[in-house]
Every structure is written in C-alpha cells, then in structure tokens.
Amino acid sequence: MDFETTTCISLHDLDILTTAASQFGIPLHSFIVRLVIFAAKKEKAKPKAFTSIAYRKRDKQNPWKRVHLYLEYREYEYLLDIKKVWKMSVARA
C-alpha cells in the first residue's frame, strides 16, 4: 500500500459495507476502494467544467464514522481523476 486516506461513512451504510465485505472475505478498506472504482467505471457521469467540487452535506440525524482507506498508487491516481474530472469527492462517489 502506497497511500492512506480517510473518508466518512454513515453508520448505517458502514454496517451494510462491513457485512458485504465479510461475505466476500476481503478487508473493508479494500471493498470500499473496489466499490468506488467499479461505480466510477459503470456510471458514466459527464465531466463538469468550471465548477467546484461537490461534497456531501452534514446530516446530524445520521452520524458518520471515519474509515481509513489504504490505496495503491494506481488506485490513488484513479480516485484523483474522479475528483478532477467529475468534480466529486471520493466520499460522495
């Protein structure tokens, strides 16, 4: 692993992701990274020019938990491309 970063995930969604990761027998951080990359390849969002990056809004009714992600260099570069081209934070992808 070359890079470490964090993202915040709602507790409800974290439970779902943890269950799915255990069903596939892979660590949660690997499952999340693979899921984001899969979603980026499947969802053909149009590039957005001259706009700022869209971040999620805070929701006090649905608390978040910080999750550490461990990325290889190529995964990190791909996630940066998502952020640059689609103007979307990785947490929102």
N, C-alpha and C. Protein backbone atom coordinates (compact mmCIF):
# COMPACT_ATOMS: atom_id res chain seq x y z
N MET A 1 0.83 -1.17 0.00
CA MET A 1 0.00 0.00 0.00
C MET A 1 0.89 1.25 0.00
N ASP A 2 0.57 2.16 -0.88
CA ASP A 2 1.38 3.35 -1.01
C ASP A 2 0.79 4.57 -0.31
N PHE A 3 -0.53 4.65 -0.22
CA PHE A 3 -1.19 5.83 0.32
C PHE A 3 -2.23 5.42 1.35
N GLU A 4 -2.43 6.32 2.31
CA GLU A 4 -3.51 6.14 3.27
C GLU A 4 -4.32 7.42 3.27
N THR A 5 -5.63 7.29 3.24
CA THR A 5 -6.53 8.43 3.30
C THR A 5 -7.73 8.03 4.14
N THR A 6 -8.60 8.96 4.40
CA THR A 6 -9.80 8.66 5.17
C THR A 6 -11.03 9.17 4.44
N THR A 7 -12.15 8.58 4.76
CA THR A 7 -13.44 9.06 4.29
C THR A 7 -14.42 8.85 5.43
N CYS A 8 -15.50 9.59 5.40
CA CYS A 8 -16.52 9.44 6.43
C CYS A 8 -17.74 8.76 5.82
N ILE A 9 -18.26 7.76 6.51
CA ILE A 9 -19.39 6.97 6.03
C ILE A 9 -20.43 6.93 7.13
N SER A 10 -21.69 7.04 6.76
CA SER A 10 -22.75 6.97 7.77
C SER A 10 -22.70 5.60 8.45
N LEU A 11 -23.12 5.57 9.69
CA LEU A 11 -23.09 4.31 10.45
C LEU A 11 -23.96 3.24 9.80
N HIS A 12 -25.09 3.65 9.25
CA HIS A 12 -25.99 2.70 8.57
C HIS A 12 -25.29 2.09 7.35
N ASP A 13 -24.70 2.95 6.52
CA ASP A 13 -24.02 2.46 5.32
C ASP A 13 -22.78 1.65 5.68
N LEU A 14 -22.12 2.03 6.77
CA LEU A 14 -20.94 1.29 7.20
C LEU A 14 -21.30 -0.14 7.60
N ASP A 15 -22.44 -0.32 8.25
CA ASP A 15 -22.89 -1.67 8.60
C ASP A 15 -23.12 -2.51 7.34
N ILE A 16 -23.75 -1.91 6.34
CA ILE A 16 -24.02 -2.61 5.08
C ILE A 16 -22.70 -2.99 4.40
N LEU A 17 -21.77 -2.05 4.32
CA LEU A 17 -20.49 -2.31 3.67
C LEU A 17 -19.67 -3.35 4.43
N THR A 18 -19.71 -3.30 5.74
CA THR A 18 -18.98 -4.28 6.55
C THR A 18 -19.51 -5.69 6.32
N THR A 19 -20.83 -5.82 6.26
CA THR A 19 -21.44 -7.12 6.01
C THR A 19 -21.06 -7.64 4.63
N ALA A 20 -21.13 -6.76 3.63
CA ALA A 20 -20.79 -7.17 2.26
C ALA A 20 -19.32 -7.57 2.16
N ALA A 21 -18.45 -6.79 2.78
CA ALA A 21 -17.01 -7.11 2.74
C ALA A 21 -16.72 -8.46 3.38
N SER A 22 -17.40 -8.75 4.48
CA SER A 22 -17.18 -10.04 5.14
C SER A 22 -17.71 -11.20 4.30
N GLN A 23 -18.79 -10.96 3.55
CA GLN A 23 -19.31 -12.01 2.66
C GLN A 23 -18.32 -12.34 1.55
N PHE A 24 -17.59 -11.33 1.08
CA PHE A 24 -16.59 -11.56 0.04
C PHE A 24 -15.24 -11.96 0.62
N GLY A 25 -15.10 -11.86 1.93
CA GLY A 25 -13.86 -12.27 2.58
C GLY A 25 -12.70 -11.34 2.32
N ILE A 26 -12.98 -10.04 2.17
CA ILE A 26 -11.90 -9.07 1.96
C ILE A 26 -12.02 -7.96 3.01
N PRO A 27 -10.93 -7.27 3.29
CA PRO A 27 -10.99 -6.18 4.27
C PRO A 27 -11.92 -5.06 3.81
N LEU A 28 -12.50 -4.37 4.77
CA LEU A 28 -13.44 -3.30 4.48
C LEU A 28 -12.83 -2.23 3.59
N HIS A 29 -11.60 -1.81 3.89
CA HIS A 29 -10.98 -0.74 3.10
C HIS A 29 -10.79 -1.17 1.64
N SER A 30 -10.44 -2.42 1.40
CA SER A 30 -10.29 -2.91 0.02
C SER A 30 -11.64 -2.96 -0.68
N PHE A 31 -12.67 -3.38 0.03
CA PHE A 31 -14.01 -3.45 -0.55
C PHE A 31 -14.49 -2.06 -0.96
N ILE A 32 -14.29 -1.07 -0.10
CA ILE A 32 -14.74 0.29 -0.41
C ILE A 32 -14.02 0.84 -1.64
N VAL A 33 -12.71 0.67 -1.70
CA VAL A 33 -11.94 1.17 -2.84
C VAL A 33 -12.40 0.49 -4.13
N ARG A 34 -12.58 -0.81 -4.10
CA ARG A 34 -13.03 -1.54 -5.30
C ARG A 34 -14.44 -1.13 -5.70
N LEU A 35 -15.29 -0.87 -4.72
CA LEU A 35 -16.65 -0.45 -4.99
C LEU A 35 -16.69 0.93 -5.65
N VAL A 36 -15.88 1.85 -5.17
CA VAL A 36 -15.83 3.20 -5.76
C VAL A 36 -15.30 3.13 -7.19
N ILE A 37 -14.26 2.35 -7.42
CA ILE A 37 -13.71 2.21 -8.77
C ILE A 37 -14.73 1.57 -9.70
N PHE A 38 -15.42 0.54 -9.22
CA PHE A 38 -16.47 -0.10 -10.03
C PHE A 38 -17.57 0.90 -10.38
N ALA A 39 -18.01 1.67 -9.39
CA ALA A 39 -19.08 2.65 -9.63
C ALA A 39 -18.63 3.70 -10.63
N ALA A 40 -17.39 4.13 -10.54
CA ALA A 40 -16.88 5.15 -11.47
C ALA A 40 -16.82 4.62 -12.89
N LYS A 41 -16.52 3.34 -13.04
CA LYS A 41 -16.46 2.76 -14.39
C LYS A 41 -17.86 2.52 -14.96
N LYS A 42 -18.81 2.15 -14.11
CA LYS A 42 -20.17 1.86 -14.57
C LYS A 42 -20.99 3.12 -14.82
N GLU A 43 -20.87 4.09 -13.93
CA GLU A 43 -21.66 5.32 -14.02
C GLU A 43 -20.94 6.29 -14.93
N LYS A 44 -21.55 6.59 -16.03
CA LYS A 44 -20.92 7.48 -17.00
C LYS A 44 -21.39 8.92 -16.77
N ALA A 45 -20.85 9.54 -15.74
CA ALA A 45 -21.18 10.93 -15.45
C ALA A 45 -20.44 11.83 -16.43
N LYS A 46 -21.09 12.92 -16.78
CA LYS A 46 -20.46 13.87 -17.69
C LYS A 46 -19.45 14.71 -16.92
N PRO A 47 -18.31 14.98 -17.55
CA PRO A 47 -17.33 15.86 -16.90
C PRO A 47 -17.94 17.24 -16.66
N LYS A 48 -17.55 17.87 -15.57
CA LYS A 48 -18.08 19.19 -15.23
C LYS A 48 -16.93 20.19 -15.27
N ALA A 49 -17.07 21.18 -16.12
CA ALA A 49 -16.04 22.21 -16.24
C ALA A 49 -16.45 23.46 -15.48
N PHE A 50 -15.47 24.12 -14.92
CA PHE A 50 -15.65 25.41 -14.25
C PHE A 50 -16.64 25.35 -13.09
N THR A 51 -16.65 24.25 -12.36
CA THR A 51 -17.48 24.13 -11.17
C THR A 51 -16.60 23.66 -10.02
N SER A 52 -17.05 23.92 -8.82
CA SER A 52 -16.28 23.47 -7.66
C SER A 52 -16.64 22.02 -7.33
N ILE A 53 -15.83 21.42 -6.51
CA ILE A 53 -16.04 20.02 -6.13
C ILE A 53 -17.26 19.92 -5.22
N ALA A 54 -18.10 18.92 -5.46
CA ALA A 54 -19.32 18.72 -4.66
C ALA A 54 -19.00 17.81 -3.49
N TYR A 55 -19.30 18.28 -2.31
CA TYR A 55 -19.11 17.49 -1.09
C TYR A 55 -20.47 17.15 -0.50
N ARG A 56 -20.53 16.12 0.31
CA ARG A 56 -21.79 15.75 0.95
C ARG A 56 -22.15 16.77 2.02
N LYS A 57 -23.44 16.92 2.25
CA LYS A 57 -23.91 17.80 3.31
C LYS A 57 -23.92 17.03 4.62
N ARG A 58 -23.66 17.72 5.70
CA ARG A 58 -23.69 17.09 7.02
C ARG A 58 -25.13 16.81 7.42
N ASP A 59 -25.32 15.68 8.05
CA ASP A 59 -26.65 15.26 8.50
C ASP A 59 -26.54 14.83 9.96
N LYS A 60 -27.03 15.68 10.86
CA LYS A 60 -26.91 15.38 12.29
C LYS A 60 -27.76 14.20 12.69
N GLN A 61 -28.77 13.85 11.90
CA GLN A 61 -29.63 12.72 12.21
C GLN A 61 -28.96 11.39 11.88
N ASN A 62 -27.95 11.44 11.03
CA ASN A 62 -27.27 10.22 10.59
C ASN A 62 -25.76 10.40 10.80
N PRO A 63 -25.24 10.04 11.98
CA PRO A 63 -23.83 10.28 12.28
C PRO A 63 -22.88 9.47 11.38
N TRP A 64 -21.69 10.01 11.19
CA TRP A 64 -20.68 9.39 10.35
C TRP A 64 -19.57 8.79 11.20
N LYS A 65 -18.85 7.88 10.57
CA LYS A 65 -17.64 7.32 11.19
C LYS A 65 -16.51 7.45 10.18
N ARG A 66 -15.36 7.84 10.66
CA ARG A 66 -14.20 7.96 9.78
C ARG A 66 -13.62 6.58 9.53
N VAL A 67 -13.37 6.27 8.25
CA VAL A 67 -12.83 4.98 7.84
C VAL A 67 -11.51 5.23 7.11
N HIS A 68 -10.49 4.48 7.47
CA HIS A 68 -9.20 4.60 6.81
C HIS A 68 -9.18 3.73 5.57
N LEU A 69 -8.68 4.28 4.48
CA LEU A 69 -8.53 3.55 3.22
C LEU A 69 -7.05 3.48 2.88
N TYR A 70 -6.62 2.31 2.45
CA TYR A 70 -5.23 2.10 2.06
C TYR A 70 -5.22 1.84 0.57
N LEU A 71 -4.50 2.68 -0.16
CA LEU A 71 -4.56 2.64 -1.62
C LEU A 71 -3.19 2.35 -2.22
N GLU A 72 -3.23 1.64 -3.32
CA GLU A 72 -2.03 1.51 -4.15
C GLU A 72 -1.93 2.78 -4.98
N TYR A 73 -0.77 3.02 -5.52
CA TYR A 73 -0.54 4.25 -6.28
C TYR A 73 -1.54 4.40 -7.43
N ARG A 74 -1.77 3.33 -8.17
CA ARG A 74 -2.68 3.41 -9.33
C ARG A 74 -4.11 3.68 -8.89
N GLU A 75 -4.53 3.13 -7.75
CA GLU A 75 -5.87 3.39 -7.24
C GLU A 75 -6.00 4.85 -6.80
N TYR A 76 -4.96 5.35 -6.15
CA TYR A 76 -4.96 6.73 -5.70
C TYR A 76 -5.07 7.68 -6.89
N GLU A 77 -4.31 7.42 -7.93
CA GLU A 77 -4.35 8.25 -9.13
C GLU A 77 -5.74 8.21 -9.78
N TYR A 78 -6.36 7.05 -9.82
CA TYR A 78 -7.69 6.91 -10.40
C TYR A 78 -8.71 7.71 -9.61
N LEU A 79 -8.64 7.64 -8.28
CA LEU A 79 -9.57 8.40 -7.45
C LEU A 79 -9.35 9.90 -7.59
N LEU A 80 -8.11 10.32 -7.77
CA LEU A 80 -7.85 11.74 -8.04
C LEU A 80 -8.46 12.16 -9.37
N ASP A 81 -8.40 11.28 -10.37
CA ASP A 81 -9.01 11.59 -11.66
C ASP A 81 -10.52 11.75 -11.52
N ILE A 82 -11.15 10.90 -10.73
CA ILE A 82 -12.59 11.03 -10.48
C ILE A 82 -12.88 12.41 -9.92
N LYS A 83 -12.08 12.81 -8.96
CA LYS A 83 -12.29 14.10 -8.31
C LYS A 83 -12.09 15.25 -9.29
N LYS A 84 -11.08 15.15 -10.15
CA LYS A 84 -10.78 16.23 -11.09
C LYS A 84 -11.79 16.31 -12.23
N VAL A 85 -12.14 15.18 -12.81
CA VAL A 85 -13.00 15.18 -13.99
C VAL A 85 -14.46 15.39 -13.64
N TRP A 86 -14.95 14.66 -12.66
CA TRP A 86 -16.38 14.75 -12.34
C TRP A 86 -16.67 15.73 -11.21
N LYS A 87 -15.62 16.38 -10.68
CA LYS A 87 -15.80 17.37 -9.61
C LYS A 87 -16.58 16.79 -8.45
N MET A 88 -16.20 15.58 -8.05
CA MET A 88 -16.92 14.88 -6.99
C MET A 88 -15.91 14.35 -5.98
N SER A 89 -16.17 14.56 -4.71
CA SER A 89 -15.28 14.00 -3.70
C SER A 89 -15.45 12.48 -3.70
N VAL A 90 -14.41 11.78 -3.31
CA VAL A 90 -14.47 10.32 -3.30
C VAL A 90 -15.55 9.85 -2.33
N ALA A 91 -15.75 10.55 -1.25
CA ALA A 91 -16.77 10.17 -0.29
C ALA A 91 -18.17 10.25 -0.89
N ARG A 92 -18.34 11.10 -1.87
CA ARG A 92 -19.65 11.25 -2.48
C ARG A 92 -19.86 10.29 -3.64
N ALA A 93 -18.78 9.72 -4.16
CA ALA A 93 -18.88 8.84 -5.32
C ALA A 93 -19.66 7.59 -5.02
